Amino acid sequence: QVQLVESGGGLVQAGGSLRLSCAASGRTFSSYVMGWFRQAPGKEREFVGVIMWSENSTYYADAVKGRFTISRGNAKNTVYLQMNSLKPEDTAVYYCAAGRGGTRRSEYDYWGQGTQVTVSS
């Protein structure tokens, strides 16, 4: 069974940093795209960024470009989301997902349970 488990969320002041982790298990993810999404209260789940597992290339939403960085761990089943210069509007539950790629939720087959990130002003 495929599992994605996020960790690393928490409370941080505006301007601070957090690093989220996503540990994948259950199958080989070398052919998958790993994405990060977030959902703020009362809002739709939105795309944050994506990494091509095999090519190590990345793509980000405009709202986080230049502040967030997605990378792979040395263990090939871990993906990170480094978040710098955090803003209160970054407050959301953050999800990692695995699938065919892209910016739409429908393009991802597997989802983690989410981790809460709260940025105080």
PDB file of N, CA and C in Angstrom:
ATOM      1  N   GLN A   1       0.843  -1.190   0.000  1.00  0.00           N
ATOM      2  CA  GLN A   1       0.000   0.000   0.000  1.00  0.00           C
ATOM      3  C   GLN A   1       0.879   1.241   0.000  1.00  0.00           C
ATOM      4  N   VAL A   2       0.509   2.222  -0.799  1.00  0.00           N
ATOM      5  CA  VAL A   2       1.272   3.461  -0.901  1.00  0.00           C
ATOM      6  C   VAL A   2       0.937   4.365   0.271  1.00  0.00           C
ATOM      7  N   GLN A   3       1.979   4.913   0.881  1.00  0.00           N
ATOM      8  CA  GLN A   3       1.783   5.866   1.975  1.00  0.00           C
ATOM      9  C   GLN A   3       2.697   7.070   1.804  1.00  0.00           C
ATOM     10  N   LEU A   4       2.141   8.236   2.079  1.00  0.00           N
ATOM     11  CA  LEU A   4       2.911   9.478   2.119  1.00  0.00           C
ATOM     12  C   LEU A   4       2.683  10.092   3.485  1.00  0.00           C
ATOM     13  N   VAL A   5       3.759  10.412   4.177  1.00  0.00           N
ATOM     14  CA  VAL A   5       3.645  10.960   5.525  1.00  0.00           C
ATOM     15  C   VAL A   5       4.419  12.262   5.607  1.00  0.00           C
ATOM     16  N   GLU A   6       3.692  13.360   5.871  1.00  0.00           N
ATOM     17  CA  GLU A   6       4.333  14.656   6.018  1.00  0.00           C
ATOM     18  C   GLU A   6       4.694  14.894   7.488  1.00  0.00           C
ATOM     19  N   SER A   7       5.709  15.710   7.680  1.00  0.00           N
ATOM     20  CA  SER A   7       6.087  16.135   9.025  1.00  0.00           C
ATOM     21  C   SER A   7       6.807  17.474   8.925  1.00  0.00           C
ATOM     22  N   GLY A   8       6.993  18.132  10.075  1.00  0.00           N
ATOM     23  CA  GLY A   8       7.764  19.361  10.110  1.00  0.00           C
ATOM     24  C   GLY A   8       6.955  20.633  10.237  1.00  0.00           C
ATOM     25  N   GLY A   9       5.649  20.519  10.242  1.00  0.00           N
ATOM     26  CA  GLY A   9       4.833  21.713  10.399  1.00  0.00           C
ATOM     27  C   GLY A   9       4.938  22.286  11.804  1.00  0.00           C
ATOM     28  N   GLY A  10       4.377  23.478  11.972  1.00  0.00           N
ATOM     29  CA  GLY A  10       4.409  24.102  13.278  1.00  0.00           C
ATOM     30  C   GLY A  10       4.054  25.566  13.213  1.00  0.00           C
ATOM     31  N   LEU A  11       4.351  26.265  14.298  1.00  0.00           N
ATOM     32  CA  LEU A  11       4.076  27.694  14.414  1.00  0.00           C
ATOM     33  C   LEU A  11       5.382  28.458  14.263  1.00  0.00           C
ATOM     34  N   VAL A  12       5.371  29.471  13.416  1.00  0.00           N
ATOM     35  CA  VAL A  12       6.574  30.273  13.186  1.00  0.00           C
ATOM     36  C   VAL A  12       6.159  31.725  12.994  1.00  0.00           C
ATOM     37  N   GLN A  13       7.040  32.633  13.353  1.00  0.00           N
ATOM     38  CA  GLN A  13       6.761  34.047  13.136  1.00  0.00           C
ATOM     39  C   GLN A  13       6.998  34.428  11.680  1.00  0.00           C
ATOM     40  N   ALA A  14       6.332  35.482  11.268  1.00  0.00           N
ATOM     41  CA  ALA A  14       6.531  35.989   9.910  1.00  0.00           C
ATOM     42  C   ALA A  14       8.015  36.290   9.689  1.00  0.00           C
ATOM     43  N   GLY A  15       8.500  35.901   8.516  1.00  0.00           N
ATOM     44  CA  GLY A  15       9.908  36.068   8.202  1.00  0.00           C
ATOM     45  C   GLY A  15      10.758  34.860   8.542  1.00  0.00           C
ATOM     46  N   GLY A  16      10.184  33.922   9.272  1.00  0.00           N
ATOM     47  CA  GLY A  16      10.909  32.732   9.678  1.00  0.00           C
ATOM     48  C   GLY A  16      10.887  31.647   8.618  1.00  0.00           C
ATOM     49  N   SER A  17      11.424  30.491   8.989  1.00  0.00           N
ATOM     50  CA  SER A  17      11.557  29.369   8.063  1.00  0.00           C
ATOM     51  C   SER A  17      11.061  28.076   8.697  1.00  0.00           C
ATOM     52  N   LEU A  18      10.637  27.169   7.853  1.00  0.00           N
ATOM     53  CA  LEU A  18      10.284  25.809   8.245  1.00  0.00           C
ATOM     54  C   LEU A  18      10.684  24.886   7.115  1.00  0.00           C
ATOM     55  N   ARG A  19      10.983  23.626   7.467  1.00  0.00           N
ATOM     56  CA  ARG A  19      11.216  22.616   6.452  1.00  0.00           C
ATOM     57  C   ARG A  19      10.262  21.463   6.684  1.00  0.00           C
ATOM     58  N   LEU A  20       9.456  21.195   5.675  1.00  0.00           N
ATOM     59  CA  LEU A  20       8.541  20.070   5.709  1.00  0.00           C
ATOM     60  C   LEU A  20       9.182  18.876   5.025  1.00  0.00           C
ATOM     61  N   SER A  21       8.861  17.692   5.524  1.00  0.00           N
ATOM     62  CA  SER A  21       9.339  16.451   4.936  1.00  0.00           C
ATOM     63  C   SER A  21       8.156  15.611   4.494  1.00  0.00           C
ATOM     64  N   CYS A  22       8.383  14.843   3.447  1.00  0.00           N
ATOM     65  CA  CYS A  22       7.382  13.897   2.967  1.00  0.00           C
ATOM     66  C   CYS A  22       8.092  12.571   2.734  1.00  0.00           C
ATOM     67  N   ALA A  23       7.749  11.584   3.530  1.00  0.00           N
ATOM     68  CA  ALA A  23       8.344  10.255   3.397  1.00  0.00           C
ATOM     69  C   ALA A  23       7.371   9.347   2.664  1.00  0.00           C
ATOM     70  N   ALA A  24       7.866   8.745   1.593  1.00  0.00           N
ATOM     71  CA  ALA A  24       7.031   7.877   0.767  1.00  0.00           C
ATOM     72  C   ALA A  24       7.422   6.424   0.973  1.00  0.00           C
ATOM     73  N   SER A  25       6.450   5.549   0.960  1.00  0.00           N
ATOM     74  CA  SER A  25       6.717   4.115   1.099  1.00  0.00           C
ATOM     75  C   SER A  25       5.688   3.329   0.320  1.00  0.00           C
ATOM     76  N   GLY A  26       6.034   2.086   0.028  1.00  0.00           N
ATOM     77  CA  GLY A  26       5.072   1.209  -0.591  1.00  0.00           C
ATOM     78  C   GLY A  26       5.385   0.832  -2.021  1.00  0.00           C
ATOM     79  N   ARG A  27       6.112   1.696  -2.721  1.00  0.00           N
ATOM     80  CA  ARG A  27       6.489   1.340  -4.078  1.00  0.00           C
ATOM     81  C   ARG A  27       7.616   2.255  -4.536  1.00  0.00           C
ATOM     82  N   THR A  28       8.157   1.995  -5.699  1.00  0.00           N
ATOM     83  CA  THR A  28       9.222   2.821  -6.261  1.00  0.00           C
ATOM     84  C   THR A  28       8.626   4.085  -6.880  1.00  0.00           C
ATOM     85  N   PHE A  29       9.145   5.234  -6.460  1.00  0.00           N
ATOM     86  CA  PHE A  29       8.585   6.493  -6.911  1.00  0.00           C
ATOM     87  C   PHE A  29       9.434   7.175  -7.979  1.00  0.00           C
ATOM     88  N   SER A  30      10.359   6.434  -8.550  1.00  0.00           N
ATOM     89  CA  SER A  30      11.269   7.073  -9.499  1.00  0.00           C
ATOM     90  C   SER A  30      10.554   7.613 -10.737  1.00  0.00           C
ATOM     91  N   SER A  31       9.401   7.054 -11.072  1.00  0.00           N
ATOM     92  CA  SER A  31       8.695   7.528 -12.256  1.00  0.00           C
ATOM     93  C   SER A  31       7.609   8.544 -11.912  1.00  0.00           C
ATOM     94  N   TYR A  32       7.473   8.899 -10.661  1.00  0.00           N
ATOM     95  CA  TYR A  32       6.420   9.804 -10.233  1.00  0.00           C
ATOM     96  C   TYR A  32       6.915  11.239 -10.159  1.00  0.00           C
ATOM     97  N   VAL A  33       5.941  12.124 -10.143  1.00  0.00           N
ATOM     98  CA  VAL A  33       6.164  13.511  -9.812  1.00  0.00           C
ATOM     99  C   VAL A  33       5.644  13.712  -8.391  1.00  0.00           C
ATOM    100  N   MET A  34       6.425  14.421  -7.578  1.00  0.00           N
ATOM    101  CA  MET A  34       6.006  14.685  -6.200  1.00  0.00           C
ATOM    102  C   MET A  34       5.615  16.149  -6.085  1.00  0.00           C
ATOM    103  N   GLY A  35       4.407  16.379  -5.660  1.00  0.00           N
ATOM    104  CA  GLY A  35       3.914  17.743  -5.550  1.00  0.00           C
ATOM    105  C   GLY A  35       3.618  18.134  -4.121  1.00  0.00           C
ATOM    106  N   TRP A  36       3.601  19.423  -3.888  1.00  0.00           N
ATOM    107  CA  TRP A  36       3.164  19.987  -2.621  1.00  0.00           C
ATOM    108  C   TRP A  36       1.963  20.904  -2.893  1.00  0.00           C
ATOM    109  N   PHE A  37       0.957  20.748  -2.068  1.00  0.00           N
ATOM    110  CA  PHE A  37      -0.233  21.589  -2.122  1.00  0.00           C
ATOM    111  C   PHE A  37      -0.483  22.148  -0.725  1.00  0.00           C
ATOM    112  N   ARG A  38      -1.360  23.135  -0.646  1.00  0.00           N
ATOM    113  CA  ARG A  38      -1.751  23.654   0.666  1.00  0.00           C
ATOM    114  C   ARG A  38      -3.204  24.078   0.636  1.00  0.00           C
ATOM    115  N   GLN A  39      -3.811  24.050   1.813  1.00  0.00           N
ATOM    116  CA  GLN A  39      -5.214  24.440   1.930  1.00  0.00           C
ATOM    117  C   GLN A  39      -5.408  25.278   3.188  1.00  0.00           C
ATOM    118  N   ALA A  40      -5.774  26.530   2.962  1.00  0.00           N
ATOM    119  CA  ALA A  40      -6.078  27.431   4.062  1.00  0.00           C
ATOM    120  C   ALA A  40      -7.555  27.285   4.434  1.00  0.00           C
ATOM    121  N   PRO A  41      -7.918  27.659   5.646  1.00  0.00           N
ATOM    122  CA  PRO A  41      -9.319  27.547   6.073  1.00  0.00           C
ATOM    123  C   PRO A  41     -10.255  28.287   5.123  1.00  0.00           C
ATOM    124  N   GLY A  42     -11.282  27.610   4.688  1.00  0.00           N
ATOM    125  CA  GLY A  42     -12.279  28.221   3.827  1.00  0.00           C
ATOM    126  C   GLY A  42     -11.863  28.395   2.382  1.00  0.00           C
ATOM    127  N   LYS A  43     -10.699  27.852   2.022  1.00  0.00           N
ATOM    128  CA  LYS A  43     -10.204  28.015   0.651  1.00  0.00           C
ATOM    129  C   LYS A  43      -9.979  26.659  -0.009  1.00  0.00           C
ATOM    130  N   GLU A  44      -9.878  26.699  -1.323  1.00  0.00           N
ATOM    131  CA  GLU A  44      -9.580  25.491  -2.075  1.00  0.00           C
ATOM    132  C   GLU A  44      -8.119  25.088  -1.868  1.00  0.00           C
ATOM    133  N   ARG A  45      -7.870  23.791  -2.023  1.00  0.00           N
ATOM    134  CA  ARG A  45      -6.490  23.316  -1.975  1.00  0.00           C
ATOM    135  C   ARG A  45      -5.763  23.832  -3.209  1.00  0.00           C
ATOM    136  N   GLU A  46      -4.594  24.433  -3.003  1.00  0.00           N
ATOM    137  CA  GLU A  46      -3.876  25.047  -4.109  1.00  0.00           C
ATOM    138  C   GLU A  46      -2.480  24.462  -4.283  1.00  0.00           C
ATOM    139  N   PHE A  47      -2.025  24.536  -5.499  1.00  0.00           N
ATOM    140  CA  PHE A  47      -0.700  24.040  -5.870  1.00  0.00           C
ATOM    141  C   PHE A  47       0.387  24.939  -5.285  1.00  0.00           C
ATOM    142  N   VAL A  48       1.435  24.304  -4.763  1.00  0.00           N
ATOM    143  CA  VAL A  48       2.582  25.036  -4.241  1.00  0.00           C
ATOM    144  C   VAL A  48       3.804  24.813  -5.129  1.00  0.00           C
ATOM    145  N   GLY A  49       4.123  23.574  -5.399  1.00  0.00           N
ATOM    146  CA  GLY A  49       5.285  23.274  -6.228  1.00  0.00           C
ATOM    147  C   GLY A  49       5.374  21.797  -6.504  1.00  0.00           C
ATOM    148  N   VAL A  50       6.319  21.440  -7.368  1.00  0.00           N
ATOM    149  CA  VAL A  50       6.448  20.059  -7.798  1.00  0.00           C
ATOM    150  C   VAL A  50       7.898  19.757  -8.130  1.00  0.00           C
ATOM    151  N   ILE A  51       8.299  18.495  -7.939  1.00  0.00           N
ATOM    152  CA  ILE A  51       9.623  18.045  -8.341  1.00  0.00           C
ATOM    153  C   ILE A  51       9.487  16.762  -9.126  1.00  0.00           C
ATOM    154  N   MET A  52      10.184  16.729 -10.258  1.00  0.00           N
ATOM    155  CA  MET A  52      10.250  15.506 -11.052  1.00  0.00           C
ATOM    156  C   MET A  52      11.265  14.598 -10.390  1.00  0.00           C
ATOM    157  N   TRP A  53      10.797  13.473  -9.896  1.00  0.00           N
ATOM    158  CA  TRP A  53      11.654  12.613  -9.095  1.00  0.00           C
ATOM    159  C   TRP A  53      12.903  12.194  -9.852  1.00  0.00           C
ATOM    160  N   SER A  54      12.729  11.785 -11.109  1.00  0.00           N
ATOM    161  CA  SER A  54      13.858  11.245 -11.857  1.00  0.00           C
ATOM    162  C   SER A  54      14.774  12.333 -12.401  1.00  0.00           C
ATOM    163  N   GLU A  55      14.231  13.497 -12.730  1.00  0.00           N
ATOM    164  CA  GLU A  55      15.027  14.557 -13.353  1.00  0.00           C
ATOM    165  C   GLU A  55      15.499  15.604 -12.364  1.00  0.00           C
ATOM    166  N   ASN A  56      14.904  15.617 -11.177  1.00  0.00           N
ATOM    167  CA  ASN A  56      15.259  16.600 -10.153  1.00  0.00           C
ATOM    168  C   ASN A  56      14.972  18.024 -10.600  1.00  0.00           C
ATOM    169  N   SER A  57      14.028  18.210 -11.503  1.00  0.00           N
ATOM    170  CA  SER A  57      13.633  19.558 -11.906  1.00  0.00           C
ATOM    171  C   SER A  57      12.409  19.974 -11.088  1.00  0.00           C
ATOM    172  N   THR A  58      12.252  21.274 -10.893  1.00  0.00           N
ATOM    173  CA  THR A  58      11.186  21.795 -10.045  1.00  0.00           C
ATOM    174  C   THR A  58      10.400  22.900 -10.739  1.00  0.00           C
ATOM    175  N   TYR A  59       9.202  23.137 -10.225  1.00  0.00           N
ATOM    176  CA  TYR A  59       8.333  24.206 -10.721  1.00  0.00           C
ATOM    177  C   TYR A  59       7.506  24.687  -9.541  1.00  0.00           C
ATOM    178  N   TYR A  60       7.300  26.010  -9.450  1.00  0.00           N
ATOM    179  CA  TYR A  60       6.625  26.588  -8.282  1.00  0.00           C
ATOM    180  C   TYR A  60       5.493  27.511  -8.685  1.00  0.00           C
ATOM    181  N   ALA A  61       4.529  27.612  -7.779  1.00  0.00           N
ATOM    182  CA  ALA A  61       3.495  28.624  -7.930  1.00  0.00           C
ATOM    183  C   ALA A  61       4.111  30.006  -7.733  1.00  0.00           C
ATOM    184  N   ASP A  62       3.538  30.998  -8.394  1.00  0.00           N
ATOM    185  CA  ASP A  62       4.078  32.354  -8.304  1.00  0.00           C
ATOM    186  C   ASP A  62       4.109  32.864  -6.864  1.00  0.00           C
ATOM    187  N   ALA A  63       3.120  32.447  -6.075  1.00  0.00           N
ATOM    188  CA  ALA A  63       3.001  32.953  -4.702  1.00  0.00           C
ATOM    189  C   ALA A  63       4.174  32.550  -3.815  1.00  0.00           C
ATOM    190  N   VAL A  64       4.888  31.486  -4.191  1.00  0.00           N
ATOM    191  CA  VAL A  64       5.975  30.995  -3.342  1.00  0.00           C
ATOM    192  C   VAL A  64       7.325  31.028  -4.040  1.00  0.00           C
ATOM    193  N   LYS A  65       7.347  31.352  -5.297  1.00  0.00           N
ATOM    194  CA  LYS A  65       8.588  31.345  -6.070  1.00  0.00           C
ATOM    195  C   LYS A  65       9.613  32.279  -5.437  1.00  0.00           C
ATOM    196  N   GLY A  66      10.821  31.759  -5.288  1.00  0.00           N
ATOM    197  CA  GLY A  66      11.878  32.549  -4.674  1.00  0.00           C
ATOM    198  C   GLY A  66      11.944  32.422  -3.163  1.00  0.00           C
ATOM    199  N   ARG A  67      10.903  31.871  -2.551  1.00  0.00           N
ATOM    200  CA  ARG A  67      10.882  31.691  -1.091  1.00  0.00           C
ATOM    201  C   ARG A  67      10.882  30.224  -0.693  1.00  0.00           C
ATOM    202  N   PHE A  68      10.248  29.380  -1.496  1.00  0.00           N
ATOM    203  CA  PHE A  68      10.133  27.958  -1.193  1.00  0.00           C
ATOM    204  C   PHE A  68      11.027  27.165  -2.151  1.00  0.00           C
ATOM    205  N   THR A  69      11.574  26.062  -1.628  1.00  0.00           N
ATOM    206  CA  THR A  69      12.415  25.193  -2.442  1.00  0.00           C
ATOM    207  C   THR A  69      12.066  23.739  -2.158  1.00  0.00           C
ATOM    208  N   ILE A  70      11.849  22.976  -3.222  1.00  0.00           N
ATOM    209  CA  ILE A  70      11.579  21.541  -3.101  1.00  0.00           C
ATOM    210  C   ILE A  70      12.848  20.788  -3.478  1.00  0.00           C
ATOM    211  N   SER A  71      13.159  19.771  -2.694  1.00  0.00           N
ATOM    212  CA  SER A  71      14.339  18.964  -2.980  1.00  0.00           C
ATOM    213  C   SER A  71      14.082  17.512  -2.592  1.00  0.00           C
ATOM    214  N   ARG A  72      14.948  16.637  -3.101  1.00  0.00           N
ATOM    215  CA  ARG A  72      14.882  15.229  -2.745  1.00  0.00           C
ATOM    216  C   ARG A  72      15.942  14.933  -1.693  1.00  0.00           C
ATOM    217  N   GLY A  73      15.618  13.990  -0.819  1.00  0.00           N
ATOM    218  CA  GLY A  73      16.596  13.544   0.148  1.00  0.00           C
ATOM    219  C   GLY A  73      17.539  12.521  -0.455  1.00  0.00           C
ATOM    220  N   ASN A  74      18.616  12.251   0.265  1.00  0.00           N
ATOM    221  CA  ASN A  74      19.541  11.221  -0.182  1.00  0.00           C
ATOM    222  C   ASN A  74      18.851   9.865  -0.217  1.00  0.00           C
ATOM    223  N   ALA A  75      17.994   9.630   0.731  1.00  0.00           N
ATOM    224  CA  ALA A  75      17.120   8.459   0.667  1.00  0.00           C
ATOM    225  C   ALA A  75      16.085   8.767  -0.396  1.00  0.00           C
ATOM    226  N   LYS A  76      15.966   7.925  -1.377  1.00  0.00           N
ATOM    227  CA  LYS A  76      15.190   8.280  -2.559  1.00  0.00           C
ATOM    228  C   LYS A  76      13.699   8.303  -2.327  1.00  0.00           C
ATOM    229  N   ASN A  77      13.273   8.111  -1.096  1.00  0.00           N
ATOM    230  CA  ASN A  77      11.842   8.132  -0.853  1.00  0.00           C
ATOM    231  C   ASN A  77      11.416   9.326  -0.014  1.00  0.00           C
ATOM    232  N   THR A  78      12.248  10.372   0.036  1.00  0.00           N
ATOM    233  CA  THR A  78      11.933  11.538   0.848  1.00  0.00           C
ATOM    234  C   THR A  78      12.034  12.812   0.018  1.00  0.00           C
ATOM    235  N   VAL A  79      11.041  13.682   0.195  1.00  0.00           N
ATOM    236  CA  VAL A  79      11.020  14.975  -0.478  1.00  0.00           C
ATOM    237  C   VAL A  79      10.843  16.054   0.583  1.00  0.00           C
ATOM    238  N   TYR A  80      11.513  17.187   0.375  1.00  0.00           N
ATOM    239  CA  TYR A  80      11.456  18.281   1.337  1.00  0.00           C
ATOM    240  C   TYR A  80      10.854  19.531   0.701  1.00  0.00           C
ATOM    241  N   LEU A  81      10.223  20.324   1.550  1.00  0.00           N
ATOM    242  CA  LEU A  81       9.762  21.652   1.154  1.00  0.00           C
ATOM    243  C   LEU A  81      10.364  22.647   2.139  1.00  0.00           C
ATOM    244  N   GLN A  82      11.381  23.350   1.690  1.00  0.00           N
ATOM    245  CA  GLN A  82      12.020  24.376   2.506  1.00  0.00           C
ATOM    246  C   GLN A  82      11.279  25.689   2.292  1.00  0.00           C
ATOM    247  N   MET A  83      10.774  26.251   3.365  1.00  0.00           N
ATOM    248  CA  MET A  83       9.974  27.472   3.277  1.00  0.00           C
ATOM    249  C   MET A  83      10.683  28.593   4.033  1.00  0.00           C
ATOM    250  N   ASN A  84      11.078  29.628   3.316  1.00  0.00           N
ATOM    251  CA  ASN A  84      11.761  30.780   3.894  1.00  0.00           C
ATOM    252  C   ASN A  84      10.902  32.026   3.743  1.00  0.00           C
ATOM    253  N   SER A  85      11.244  33.050   4.501  1.00  0.00           N
ATOM    254  CA  SER A  85      10.530  34.332   4.429  1.00  0.00           C
ATOM    255  C   SER A  85       9.020  34.117   4.513  1.00  0.00           C
ATOM    256  N   LEU A  86       8.612  33.331   5.475  1.00  0.00           N
ATOM    257  CA  LEU A  86       7.198  32.975   5.587  1.00  0.00           C
ATOM    258  C   LEU A  86       6.332  34.185   5.908  1.00  0.00           C
ATOM    259  N   LYS A  87       5.137  34.157   5.359  1.00  0.00           N
ATOM    260  CA  LYS A  87       4.161  35.233   5.544  1.00  0.00           C
ATOM    261  C   LYS A  87       2.903  34.662   6.199  1.00  0.00           C
ATOM    262  N   PRO A  88       2.125  35.494   6.868  1.00  0.00           N
ATOM    263  CA  PRO A  88       0.870  34.991   7.462  1.00  0.00           C
ATOM    264  C   PRO A  88      -0.027  34.316   6.440  1.00  0.00           C
ATOM    265  N   GLU A  89       0.002  34.763   5.206  1.00  0.00           N
ATOM    266  CA  GLU A  89      -0.848  34.160   4.172  1.00  0.00           C
ATOM    267  C   GLU A  89      -0.356  32.783   3.729  1.00  0.00           C
ATOM    268  N   ASP A  90       0.790  32.344   4.240  1.00  0.00           N
ATOM    269  CA  ASP A  90       1.253  30.986   3.982  1.00  0.00           C
ATOM    270  C   ASP A  90       0.626  29.989   4.957  1.00  0.00           C
ATOM    271  N   THR A  91      -0.105  30.483   5.932  1.00  0.00           N
ATOM    272  CA  THR A  91      -0.756  29.609   6.896  1.00  0.00           C
ATOM    273  C   THR A  91      -1.742  28.680   6.203  1.00  0.00           C
ATOM    274  N   ALA A  92      -1.563  27.381   6.406  1.00  0.00           N
ATOM    275  CA  ALA A  92      -2.397  26.377   5.733  1.00  0.00           C
ATOM    276  C   ALA A  92      -1.990  24.991   6.212  1.00  0.00           C
ATOM    277  N   VAL A  93      -2.778  24.010   5.831  1.00  0.00           N
ATOM    278  CA  VAL A  93      -2.358  22.617   5.939  1.00  0.00           C
ATOM    279  C   VAL A  93      -1.639  22.276   4.643  1.00  0.00           C
ATOM    280  N   TYR A  94      -0.451  21.754   4.770  1.00  0.00           N
ATOM    281  CA  TYR A  94       0.374  21.431   3.623  1.00  0.00           C
ATOM    282  C   TYR A  94       0.341  19.921   3.370  1.00  0.00           C
ATOM    283  N   TYR A  95       0.146  19.551   2.097  1.00  0.00           N
ATOM    284  CA  TYR A  95       0.040  18.161   1.701  1.00  0.00           C
ATOM    285  C   TYR A  95       1.095  17.839   0.655  1.00  0.00           C
ATOM    286  N   CYS A  96       1.685  16.657   0.742  1.00  0.00           N
ATOM    287  CA  CYS A  96       2.478  16.166  -0.367  1.00  0.00           C
ATOM    288  C   CYS A  96       1.633  15.148  -1.127  1.00  0.00           C
ATOM    289  N   ALA A  97       1.964  14.999  -2.401  1.00  0.00           N
ATOM    290  CA  ALA A  97       1.193  14.121  -3.267  1.00  0.00           C
ATOM    291  C   ALA A  97       2.114  13.520  -4.318  1.00  0.00           C
ATOM    292  N   ALA A  98       1.758  12.347  -4.805  1.00  0.00           N
ATOM    293  CA  ALA A  98       2.530  11.675  -5.850  1.00  0.00           C
ATOM    294  C   ALA A  98       1.601  11.329  -7.002  1.00  0.00           C
ATOM    295  N   GLY A  99       2.101  11.530  -8.216  1.00  0.00           N
ATOM    296  CA  GLY A  99       1.272  11.215  -9.364  1.00  0.00           C
ATOM    297  C   GLY A  99       1.958  11.534 -10.667  1.00  0.00           C
ATOM    298  N   ARG A 100       1.149  11.904 -11.639  1.00  0.00           N
ATOM    299  CA  ARG A 100       1.647  12.154 -12.995  1.00  0.00           C
ATOM    300  C   ARG A 100       2.223  13.548 -13.149  1.00  0.00           C
ATOM    301  N   GLY A 101       1.909  14.417 -12.194  1.00  0.00           N
ATOM    302  CA  GLY A 101       2.487  15.749 -12.218  1.00  0.00           C
ATOM    303  C   GLY A 101       1.517  16.823 -12.625  1.00  0.00           C
ATOM    304  N   GLY A 102       1.980  18.051 -12.688  1.00  0.00           N
ATOM    305  CA  GLY A 102       1.151  19.171 -13.039  1.00  0.00           C
ATOM    306  C   GLY A 102       0.745  19.972 -11.825  1.00  0.00           C
ATOM    307  N   THR A 103      -0.188  20.901 -12.044  1.00  0.00           N
ATOM    308  CA  THR A 103      -0.609  21.804 -10.981  1.00  0.00           C
ATOM    309  C   THR A 103      -2.008  21.517 -10.465  1.00  0.00           C
ATOM    310  N   ARG A 104      -2.650  20.505 -11.010  1.00  0.00           N
ATOM    311  CA  ARG A 104      -4.029  20.207 -10.610  1.00  0.00           C
ATOM    312  C   ARG A 104      -4.098  19.006  -9.685  1.00  0.00           C
ATOM    313  N   ARG A 105      -5.003  19.062  -8.743  1.00  0.00           N
ATOM    314  CA  ARG A 105      -5.173  17.974  -7.785  1.00  0.00           C
ATOM    315  C   ARG A 105      -5.476  16.658  -8.492  1.00  0.00           C
ATOM    316  N   SER A 106      -6.222  16.723  -9.569  1.00  0.00           N
ATOM    317  CA  SER A 106      -6.646  15.505 -10.262  1.00  0.00           C
ATOM    318  C   SER A 106      -5.487  14.746 -10.884  1.00  0.00           C
ATOM    319  N   GLU A 107      -4.323  15.372 -10.983  1.00  0.00           N
ATOM    320  CA  GLU A 107      -3.167  14.725 -11.597  1.00  0.00           C
ATOM    321  C   GLU A 107      -2.352  13.921 -10.601  1.00  0.00           C
ATOM    322  N   TYR A 108      -2.812  13.877  -9.360  1.00  0.00           N
ATOM    323  CA  TYR A 108      -2.079  13.170  -8.306  1.00  0.00           C
ATOM    324  C   TYR A 108      -2.937  12.035  -7.753  1.00  0.00           C
ATOM    325  N   ASP A 109      -2.274  10.886  -7.586  1.00  0.00           N
ATOM    326  CA  ASP A 109      -2.989   9.679  -7.186  1.00  0.00           C
ATOM    327  C   ASP A 109      -2.901   9.399  -5.693  1.00  0.00           C
ATOM    328  N   TYR A 110      -1.841   9.835  -5.061  1.00  0.00           N
ATOM    329  CA  TYR A 110      -1.609   9.521  -3.656  1.00  0.00           C
ATOM    330  C   TYR A 110      -1.369  10.801  -2.876  1.00  0.00           C
ATOM    331  N   TRP A 111      -1.932  10.851  -1.665  1.00  0.00           N
ATOM    332  CA  TRP A 111      -1.857  12.051  -0.836  1.00  0.00           C
ATOM    333  C   TRP A 111      -1.458  11.685   0.592  1.00  0.00           C
ATOM    334  N   GLY A 112      -0.719  12.593   1.212  1.00  0.00           N
ATOM    335  CA  GLY A 112      -0.448  12.458   2.630  1.00  0.00           C
ATOM    336  C   GLY A 112      -1.591  13.024   3.454  1.00  0.00           C
ATOM    337  N   GLN A 113      -1.432  12.942   4.764  1.00  0.00           N
ATOM    338  CA  GLN A 113      -2.504  13.376   5.672  1.00  0.00           C
ATOM    339  C   GLN A 113      -2.450  14.873   5.953  1.00  0.00           C
ATOM    340  N   GLY A 114      -1.348  15.514   5.587  1.00  0.00           N
ATOM    341  CA  GLY A 114      -1.215  16.949   5.778  1.00  0.00           C
ATOM    342  C   GLY A 114      -0.523  17.310   7.082  1.00  0.00           C
ATOM    343  N   THR A 115       0.125  18.465   7.070  1.00  0.00           N
ATOM    344  CA  THR A 115       0.763  18.999   8.269  1.00  0.00           C
ATOM    345  C   THR A 115       0.466  20.498   8.353  1.00  0.00           C
ATOM    346  N   GLN A 116       0.121  20.953   9.550  1.00  0.00           N
ATOM    347  CA  GLN A 116      -0.306  22.342   9.730  1.00  0.00           C
ATOM    348  C   GLN A 116       0.897  23.272   9.828  1.00  0.00           C
ATOM    349  N   VAL A 117       0.840  24.349   9.064  1.00  0.00           N
ATOM    350  CA  VAL A 117       1.815  25.427   9.160  1.00  0.00           C
ATOM    351  C   VAL A 117       1.071  26.696   9.523  1.00  0.00           C
ATOM    352  N   THR A 118       1.487  27.339  10.606  1.00  0.00           N
ATOM    353  CA  THR A 118       0.861  28.577  11.045  1.00  0.00           C
ATOM    354  C   THR A 118       1.930  29.649  11.162  1.00  0.00           C
ATOM    355  N   VAL A 119       1.706  30.756  10.479  1.00  0.00           N
ATOM    356  CA  VAL A 119       2.654  31.861  10.487  1.00  0.00           C
ATOM    357  C   VAL A 119       1.996  33.041  11.189  1.00  0.00           C
ATOM    358  N   SER A 120       2.584  33.467  12.281  1.00  0.00           N
ATOM    359  CA  SER A 120       2.028  34.582  13.047  1.00  0.00           C
ATOM    360  C   SER A 120       2.651  35.900  12.595  1.00  0.00           C
ATOM    361  N   SER A 121       1.836  36.954  12.683  1.00  0.00           N
ATOM    362  CA  SER A 121       2.318  38.278  12.242  1.00  0.00           C
ATOM    363  C   SER A 121       2.987  39.030  13.376  1.00  0.00           C
TER     364      SER A 121
END
